[in-house]
PDB file of N, CA and C in Angstrom:
ATOM      1  N   MET A   1     -32.142  16.134  74.711  1.00  0.00           N
ATOM      2  CA  MET A   1     -33.481  15.629  74.552  1.00  0.00           C
ATOM      3  C   MET A   1     -34.266  15.769  75.859  1.00  0.00           C
ATOM      4  N   GLU A   2     -33.603  15.931  76.994  1.00  0.00           N
ATOM      5  CA  GLU A   2     -34.283  16.024  78.277  1.00  0.00           C
ATOM      6  C   GLU A   2     -35.145  17.272  78.397  1.00  0.00           C
ATOM      7  N   ASP A   3     -34.818  18.319  77.644  1.00  0.00           N
ATOM      8  CA  ASP A   3     -35.589  19.552  77.737  1.00  0.00           C
ATOM      9  C   ASP A   3     -36.857  19.495  76.888  1.00  0.00           C
ATOM     10  N   GLN A   4     -37.012  18.464  76.093  1.00  0.00           N
ATOM     11  CA  GLN A   4     -38.216  18.295  75.279  1.00  0.00           C
ATOM     12  C   GLN A   4     -39.313  17.634  76.104  1.00  0.00           C
ATOM     13  N   ARG A   5     -40.549  18.028  75.869  1.00  0.00           N
ATOM     14  CA  ARG A   5     -41.685  17.515  76.634  1.00  0.00           C
ATOM     15  C   ARG A   5     -41.831  16.001  76.485  1.00  0.00           C
ATOM     16  N   MET A   6     -41.633  15.500  75.295  1.00  0.00           N
ATOM     17  CA  MET A   6     -41.809  14.072  75.028  1.00  0.00           C
ATOM     18  C   MET A   6     -40.464  13.356  74.863  1.00  0.00           C
ATOM     19  N   GLY A   7     -39.403  13.956  75.367  1.00  0.00           N
ATOM     20  CA  GLY A   7     -38.063  13.414  75.176  1.00  0.00           C
ATOM     21  C   GLY A   7     -37.889  11.996  75.681  1.00  0.00           C
ATOM     22  N   VAL A   8     -38.380  11.715  76.876  1.00  0.00           N
ATOM     23  CA  VAL A   8     -38.231  10.372  77.446  1.00  0.00           C
ATOM     24  C   VAL A   8     -39.027   9.368  76.632  1.00  0.00           C
ATOM     25  N   LEU A   9     -40.207   9.765  76.191  1.00  0.00           N
ATOM     26  CA  LEU A   9     -41.040   8.876  75.382  1.00  0.00           C
ATOM     27  C   LEU A   9     -40.355   8.543  74.061  1.00  0.00           C
ATOM     28  N   VAL A  10     -39.752   9.533  73.435  1.00  0.00           N
ATOM     29  CA  VAL A  10     -39.029   9.312  72.182  1.00  0.00           C
ATOM     30  C   VAL A  10     -37.826   8.408  72.427  1.00  0.00           C
ATOM     31  N   LEU A  11     -37.106   8.648  73.501  1.00  0.00           N
ATOM     32  CA  LEU A  11     -35.940   7.827  73.827  1.00  0.00           C
ATOM     33  C   LEU A  11     -36.338   6.370  74.065  1.00  0.00           C
ATOM     34  N   LEU A  12     -37.396   6.146  74.839  1.00  0.00           N
ATOM     35  CA  LEU A  12     -37.866   4.779  75.073  1.00  0.00           C
ATOM     36  C   LEU A  12     -38.301   4.119  73.770  1.00  0.00           C
ATOM     37  N   SER A  13     -38.960   4.877  72.912  1.00  0.00           N
ATOM     38  CA  SER A  13     -39.400   4.336  71.630  1.00  0.00           C
ATOM     39  C   SER A  13     -38.225   3.893  70.780  1.00  0.00           C
ATOM     40  N   LEU A  14     -37.176   4.688  70.779  1.00  0.00           N
ATOM     41  CA  LEU A  14     -35.984   4.341  69.995  1.00  0.00           C
ATOM     42  C   LEU A  14     -35.240   3.148  70.576  1.00  0.00           C
ATOM     43  N   VAL A  15     -35.066   3.136  71.885  1.00  0.00           N
ATOM     44  CA  VAL A  15     -34.296   2.073  72.533  1.00  0.00           C
ATOM     45  C   VAL A  15     -35.012   0.727  72.437  1.00  0.00           C
ATOM     46  N   PHE A  16     -36.324   0.738  72.697  1.00  0.00           N
ATOM     47  CA  PHE A  16     -37.070  -0.517  72.734  1.00  0.00           C
ATOM     48  C   PHE A  16     -37.799  -0.835  71.430  1.00  0.00           C
ATOM     49  N   GLY A  17     -37.740   0.056  70.447  1.00  0.00           N
ATOM     50  CA  GLY A  17     -38.397  -0.182  69.171  1.00  0.00           C
ATOM     51  C   GLY A  17     -39.910  -0.166  69.259  1.00  0.00           C
ATOM     52  N   LEU A  18     -40.446   0.755  70.051  1.00  0.00           N
ATOM     53  CA  LEU A  18     -41.894   0.826  70.250  1.00  0.00           C
ATOM     54  C   LEU A  18     -42.583   1.543  69.101  1.00  0.00           C
ATOM     55  N   ARG A  19     -43.788   1.104  68.801  1.00  0.00           N
ATOM     56  CA  ARG A  19     -44.648   1.831  67.868  1.00  0.00           C
ATOM     57  C   ARG A  19     -45.282   2.992  68.629  1.00  0.00           C
ATOM     58  N   ARG A  20     -45.845   3.951  67.908  1.00  0.00           N
ATOM     59  CA  ARG A  20     -46.428   5.141  68.541  1.00  0.00           C
ATOM     60  C   ARG A  20     -47.524   4.768  69.544  1.00  0.00           C
ATOM     61  N   GLY A  21     -48.450   3.906  69.165  1.00  0.00           N
ATOM     62  CA  GLY A  21     -49.541   3.509  70.050  1.00  0.00           C
ATOM     63  C   GLY A  21     -49.055   2.786  71.289  1.00  0.00           C
ATOM     64  N   GLU A  22     -48.015   1.969  71.138  1.00  0.00           N
ATOM     65  CA  GLU A  22     -47.436   1.265  72.285  1.00  0.00           C
ATOM     66  C   GLU A  22     -46.780   2.245  73.245  1.00  0.00           C
ATOM     67  N   ALA A  23     -46.057   3.211  72.706  1.00  0.00           N
ATOM     68  CA  ALA A  23     -45.389   4.202  73.554  1.00  0.00           C
ATOM     69  C   ALA A  23     -46.410   5.050  74.313  1.00  0.00           C
ATOM     70  N   LEU A  24     -47.490   5.431  73.639  1.00  0.00           N
ATOM     71  CA  LEU A  24     -48.504   6.257  74.289  1.00  0.00           C
ATOM     72  C   LEU A  24     -49.316   5.479  75.320  1.00  0.00           C
ATOM     73  N   GLY A  25     -49.335   4.159  75.224  1.00  0.00           N
ATOM     74  CA  GLY A  25     -50.073   3.338  76.173  1.00  0.00           C
ATOM     75  C   GLY A  25     -49.249   2.872  77.358  1.00  0.00           C
ATOM     76  N   LEU A  26     -47.989   3.312  77.454  1.00  0.00           N
ATOM     77  CA  LEU A  26     -47.130   2.876  78.560  1.00  0.00           C
ATOM     78  C   LEU A  26     -47.655   3.355  79.909  1.00  0.00           C
ATOM     79  N   MET A  27     -47.451   2.507  80.917  1.00  0.00           N
ATOM     80  CA  MET A  27     -47.778   2.856  82.299  1.00  0.00           C
ATOM     81  C   MET A  27     -46.541   2.592  83.150  1.00  0.00           C
ATOM     82  N   TRP A  28     -46.472   3.258  84.299  1.00  0.00           N
ATOM     83  CA  TRP A  28     -45.295   3.124  85.149  1.00  0.00           C
ATOM     84  C   TRP A  28     -45.070   1.693  85.613  1.00  0.00           C
ATOM     85  N   ASN A  29     -46.131   0.959  85.875  1.00  0.00           N
ATOM     86  CA  ASN A  29     -45.950  -0.408  86.375  1.00  0.00           C
ATOM     87  C   ASN A  29     -45.453  -1.368  85.296  1.00  0.00           C
ATOM     88  N   ALA A  30     -45.341  -0.921  84.065  1.00  0.00           N
ATOM     89  CA  ALA A  30     -44.823  -1.761  82.985  1.00  0.00           C
ATOM     90  C   ALA A  30     -43.299  -1.871  83.040  1.00  0.00           C
ATOM     91  N   PHE A  31     -42.653  -0.959  83.757  1.00  0.00           N
ATOM     92  CA  PHE A  31     -41.188  -0.932  83.821  1.00  0.00           C
ATOM     93  C   PHE A  31     -40.706  -1.614  85.093  1.00  0.00           C
ATOM     94  N   ASP A  32     -39.808  -2.572  84.949  1.00  0.00           N
ATOM     95  CA  ASP A  32     -39.199  -3.264  86.085  1.00  0.00           C
ATOM     96  C   ASP A  32     -37.702  -2.982  86.067  1.00  0.00           C
ATOM     97  N   PRO A  33     -37.254  -2.004  86.890  1.00  0.00           N
ATOM     98  CA  PRO A  33     -35.835  -1.631  86.851  1.00  0.00           C
ATOM     99  C   PRO A  33     -34.894  -2.731  87.333  1.00  0.00           C
ATOM    100  N   GLU A  34     -35.353  -3.578  88.245  1.00  0.00           N
ATOM    101  CA  GLU A  34     -34.487  -4.658  88.736  1.00  0.00           C
ATOM    102  C   GLU A  34     -34.229  -5.692  87.647  1.00  0.00           C
ATOM    103  N   ALA A  35     -35.254  -6.056  86.913  1.00  0.00           N
ATOM    104  CA  ALA A  35     -35.104  -7.040  85.839  1.00  0.00           C
ATOM    105  C   ALA A  35     -34.714  -6.385  84.522  1.00  0.00           C
ATOM    106  N   ARG A  36     -34.728  -5.038  84.493  1.00  0.00           N
ATOM    107  CA  ARG A  36     -34.418  -4.277  83.275  1.00  0.00           C
ATOM    108  C   ARG A  36     -35.328  -4.678  82.118  1.00  0.00           C
ATOM    109  N   THR A  37     -36.628  -4.723  82.410  1.00  0.00           N
ATOM    110  CA  THR A  37     -37.602  -5.093  81.384  1.00  0.00           C
ATOM    111  C   THR A  37     -38.700  -4.044  81.296  1.00  0.00           C
ATOM    112  N   LEU A  38     -39.356  -4.037  80.158  1.00  0.00           N
ATOM    113  CA  LEU A  38     -40.481  -3.150  79.904  1.00  0.00           C
ATOM    114  C   LEU A  38     -41.569  -4.006  79.264  1.00  0.00           C
ATOM    115  N   ARG A  39     -42.723  -4.123  79.935  1.00  0.00           N
ATOM    116  CA  ARG A  39     -43.823  -4.922  79.415  1.00  0.00           C
ATOM    117  C   ARG A  39     -44.805  -4.018  78.674  1.00  0.00           C
ATOM    118  N   ILE A  40     -45.118  -4.389  77.456  1.00  0.00           N
ATOM    119  CA  ILE A  40     -46.096  -3.641  76.660  1.00  0.00           C
ATOM    120  C   ILE A  40     -47.431  -4.364  76.813  1.00  0.00           C
ATOM    121  N   THR A  41     -48.338  -3.776  77.587  1.00  0.00           N
ATOM    122  CA  THR A  41     -49.633  -4.407  77.844  1.00  0.00           C
ATOM    123  C   THR A  41     -50.798  -3.581  77.315  1.00  0.00           C
ATOM    124  N   HIS A  42     -50.558  -2.321  76.983  1.00  0.00           N
ATOM    125  CA  HIS A  42     -51.611  -1.448  76.488  1.00  0.00           C
ATOM    126  C   HIS A  42     -51.113  -0.682  75.264  1.00  0.00           C
ATOM    127  N   ALA A  43     -52.041  -0.278  74.439  1.00  0.00           N
ATOM    128  CA  ALA A  43     -51.712   0.552  73.287  1.00  0.00           C
ATOM    129  C   ALA A  43     -52.870   1.515  73.035  1.00  0.00           C
ATOM    130  N   VAL A  44     -52.565   2.624  72.413  1.00  0.00           N
ATOM    131  CA  VAL A  44     -53.571   3.612  72.044  1.00  0.00           C
ATOM    132  C   VAL A  44     -53.819   3.470  70.549  1.00  0.00           C
ATOM    133  N   LYS A  45     -55.078   3.526  70.170  1.00  0.00           N
ATOM    134  CA  LYS A  45     -55.430   3.355  68.769  1.00  0.00           C
ATOM    135  C   LYS A  45     -56.441   4.420  68.367  1.00  0.00           C
ATOM    136  N   ARG A  46     -56.295   4.962  67.176  1.00  0.00           N
ATOM    137  CA  ARG A  46     -57.239   5.944  66.642  1.00  0.00           C
ATOM    138  C   ARG A  46     -58.261   5.201  65.787  1.00  0.00           C
ATOM    139  N   ILE A  47     -59.541   5.443  66.075  1.00  0.00           N
ATOM    140  CA  ILE A  47     -60.606   4.770  65.341  1.00  0.00           C
ATOM    141  C   ILE A  47     -61.576   5.791  64.754  1.00  0.00           C
ATOM    142  N   LYS A  48     -62.386   5.338  63.795  1.00  0.00           N
ATOM    143  CA  LYS A  48     -63.388   6.208  63.192  1.00  0.00           C
ATOM    144  C   LYS A  48     -64.435   6.589  64.220  1.00  0.00           C
ATOM    145  N   ASN A  49     -64.815   7.856  64.199  1.00  0.00           N
ATOM    146  CA  ASN A  49     -65.867   8.333  65.079  1.00  0.00           C
ATOM    147  C   ASN A  49     -67.200   8.190  64.345  1.00  0.00           C
ATOM    148  N   ARG A  50     -68.049   7.310  64.808  1.00  0.00           N
ATOM    149  CA  ARG A  50     -69.310   7.024  64.122  1.00  0.00           C
ATOM    150  C   ARG A  50     -70.456   7.921  64.589  1.00  0.00           C
ATOM    151  N   ASP A  51     -70.172   8.836  65.508  1.00  0.00           N
ATOM    152  CA  ASP A  51     -71.178   9.776  65.987  1.00  0.00           C
ATOM    153  C   ASP A  51     -71.404  10.853  64.921  1.00  0.00           C
ATOM    154  N   PRO A  52     -72.600  10.939  64.343  1.00  0.00           N
ATOM    155  CA  PRO A  52     -72.831  11.920  63.269  1.00  0.00           C
ATOM    156  C   PRO A  52     -72.750  13.374  63.733  1.00  0.00           C
ATOM    157  N   GLU A  53     -72.904  13.605  65.021  1.00  0.00           N
ATOM    158  CA  GLU A  53     -72.844  14.972  65.547  1.00  0.00           C
ATOM    159  C   GLU A  53     -71.465  15.352  66.065  1.00  0.00           C
ATOM    160  N   ALA A  54     -70.498  14.466  65.939  1.00  0.00           N
ATOM    161  CA  ALA A  54     -69.150  14.736  66.453  1.00  0.00           C
ATOM    162  C   ALA A  54     -68.436  15.771  65.598  1.00  0.00           C
ATOM    163  N   SER A  55     -67.553  16.534  66.231  1.00  0.00           N
ATOM    164  CA  SER A  55     -66.794  17.551  65.508  1.00  0.00           C
ATOM    165  C   SER A  55     -65.530  16.996  64.866  1.00  0.00           C
ATOM    166  N   THR A  56     -65.136  15.777  65.241  1.00  0.00           N
ATOM    167  CA  THR A  56     -63.943  15.163  64.666  1.00  0.00           C
ATOM    168  C   THR A  56     -64.317  13.842  63.977  1.00  0.00           C
ATOM    169  N   ARG A  57     -63.528  13.439  62.997  1.00  0.00           N
ATOM    170  CA  ARG A  57     -63.801  12.212  62.256  1.00  0.00           C
ATOM    171  C   ARG A  57     -63.234  10.980  62.917  1.00  0.00           C
ATOM    172  N   THR A  58     -62.237  11.185  63.811  1.00  0.00           N
ATOM    173  CA  THR A  58     -61.632  10.047  64.508  1.00  0.00           C
ATOM    174  C   THR A  58     -61.580  10.330  66.001  1.00  0.00           C
ATOM    175  N   LYS A  59     -61.366   9.270  66.773  1.00  0.00           N
ATOM    176  CA  LYS A  59     -61.201   9.415  68.226  1.00  0.00           C
ATOM    177  C   LYS A  59     -60.203   8.395  68.713  1.00  0.00           C
ATOM    178  N   LEU A  60     -59.691   8.607  69.913  1.00  0.00           N
ATOM    179  CA  LEU A  60     -58.725   7.675  70.496  1.00  0.00           C
ATOM    180  C   LEU A  60     -59.441   6.600  71.277  1.00  0.00           C
TER     181      LEU A  60
END
């Protein structure tokens, strides 16, 4: 899995039971190796794009 671009993200998601948005919102300061903890403080969410001139229907 180490040769995959998102391998570490997938591994963390499996080990800690993270949802996709939680995994994508991770930051380095959320991990405390001494205490062996991972704090989930941010998440990424897809929302409707209300801009009538936008080329996509949703945005992050």
